Amino acid sequence: MTTKSFEELKPKIQEAIEAKLKGSPIVDEDGFILVDGFFMPGFQKEISGSFVIGGPSVPAVAIVGKTTGRIYYFALKVLLPDLDI
């Protein structure tokens, strides 16, 4: 597995998100800003009072609407299916 930085992947990520948003009901009159970095939402097997660090996660990226401030997340593997992660 080759490690890629966000900056290396940013142009491809931006292009993939723009393609996904064409014809989408997600609309922001002033467009969106791509958040610089990856998000790693983690998953837990049980609902409990304690938070577990580590374990399974989904690498993701996010955009923020310039007008609405809404945040939308995209799974990185869906945007870049050929990426080895």
Protein backbone atom coordinates (compact mmCIF):
# COMPACT_ATOMS: atom_id res chain seq x y z
CA MET A 1 0.00 0.00 0.00
CA THR A 2 1.40 3.37 -1.05
CA THR A 3 0.73 6.26 1.30
CA LYS A 4 -0.57 9.39 -0.42
CA SER A 5 -0.93 12.79 1.20
CA PHE A 6 -4.09 14.83 0.99
CA GLU A 7 -2.26 17.42 -1.10
CA GLU A 8 -1.25 14.76 -3.64
CA LEU A 9 -4.82 13.49 -3.95
CA LYS A 10 -6.64 16.84 -3.68
CA PRO A 11 -7.03 17.52 -7.44
CA LYS A 12 -8.47 14.03 -8.05
CA ILE A 13 -10.75 14.31 -5.00
CA GLN A 14 -12.03 17.72 -6.12
CA GLU A 15 -12.72 16.41 -9.62
CA ALA A 16 -14.56 13.34 -8.30
CA ILE A 17 -16.73 15.40 -5.94
CA GLU A 18 -17.64 17.86 -8.69
CA ALA A 19 -18.69 14.91 -10.88
CA LYS A 20 -20.84 13.49 -8.05
CA LEU A 21 -22.53 16.86 -7.45
CA LYS A 22 -23.63 17.36 -11.06
CA GLY A 23 -27.39 16.96 -11.09
CA SER A 24 -27.41 16.41 -7.32
CA PRO A 25 -30.07 17.86 -5.02
CA ILE A 26 -27.21 19.13 -2.85
CA VAL A 27 -27.15 22.79 -3.81
CA ASP A 28 -25.35 25.77 -2.33
CA GLU A 29 -25.61 28.98 -4.32
CA ASP A 30 -22.00 30.00 -3.64
CA GLY A 31 -20.51 26.53 -4.04
CA PHE A 32 -18.47 24.42 -1.63
CA ILE A 33 -15.07 24.35 0.03
CA LEU A 34 -13.16 21.07 0.21
CA VAL A 35 -11.84 20.62 3.76
CA ASP A 36 -8.07 20.06 3.63
CA GLY A 37 -7.58 16.66 5.20
CA PHE A 38 -9.04 13.22 5.77
CA PHE A 39 -11.67 12.21 8.30
CA MET A 40 -11.60 8.73 9.80
CA PRO A 41 -15.02 7.99 11.30
CA GLY A 42 -14.64 4.96 13.53
CA PHE A 43 -17.09 2.18 14.23
CA GLN A 44 -17.89 0.42 17.49
CA LYS A 45 -19.57 -2.95 18.00
CA GLU A 46 -21.56 -1.82 21.06
CA ILE A 47 -23.28 1.26 22.39
CA SER A 48 -21.68 1.98 25.72
CA GLY A 49 -20.53 4.85 27.88
CA SER A 50 -16.92 4.45 26.80
CA PHE A 51 -15.36 5.54 23.54
CA VAL A 52 -12.95 3.11 21.90
CA ILE A 53 -9.95 4.55 20.04
CA GLY A 54 -8.73 2.52 17.09
CA GLY A 55 -10.47 -0.21 15.21
CA PRO A 56 -12.33 -0.15 11.91
CA SER A 57 -12.87 3.19 10.18
CA VAL A 58 -13.80 4.64 6.79
CA PRO A 59 -11.39 7.15 5.23
CA ALA A 60 -13.49 10.12 4.12
CA VAL A 61 -13.30 13.72 2.93
CA ALA A 62 -15.73 16.58 3.49
CA ILE A 63 -17.05 19.67 1.77
CA VAL A 64 -18.69 22.70 3.40
CA GLY A 65 -21.33 24.82 1.70
CA LYS A 66 -20.18 28.45 1.43
CA THR A 67 -23.69 29.80 1.99
CA THR A 68 -25.37 27.18 4.16
CA GLY A 69 -22.40 25.87 6.14
CA ARG A 70 -23.72 22.34 5.62
CA ILE A 71 -21.09 19.62 5.80
CA TYR A 72 -21.20 16.63 3.45
CA TYR A 73 -18.91 13.62 3.80
CA PHE A 74 -17.76 11.33 1.00
CA ALA A 75 -16.09 7.94 1.44
CA LEU A 76 -12.66 8.22 -0.17
CA LYS A 77 -12.86 4.76 -1.78
CA VAL A 78 -16.12 5.69 -3.54
CA LEU A 79 -14.54 8.86 -4.95
CA LEU A 80 -11.27 7.19 -5.93
CA PRO A 81 -12.06 3.47 -6.40
CA ASP A 82 -8.59 2.67 -7.77
CA LEU A 83 -6.87 4.07 -4.66
CA ASP A 84 -5.09 1.34 -2.70
CA ILE A 85 -6.27 1.84 0.88
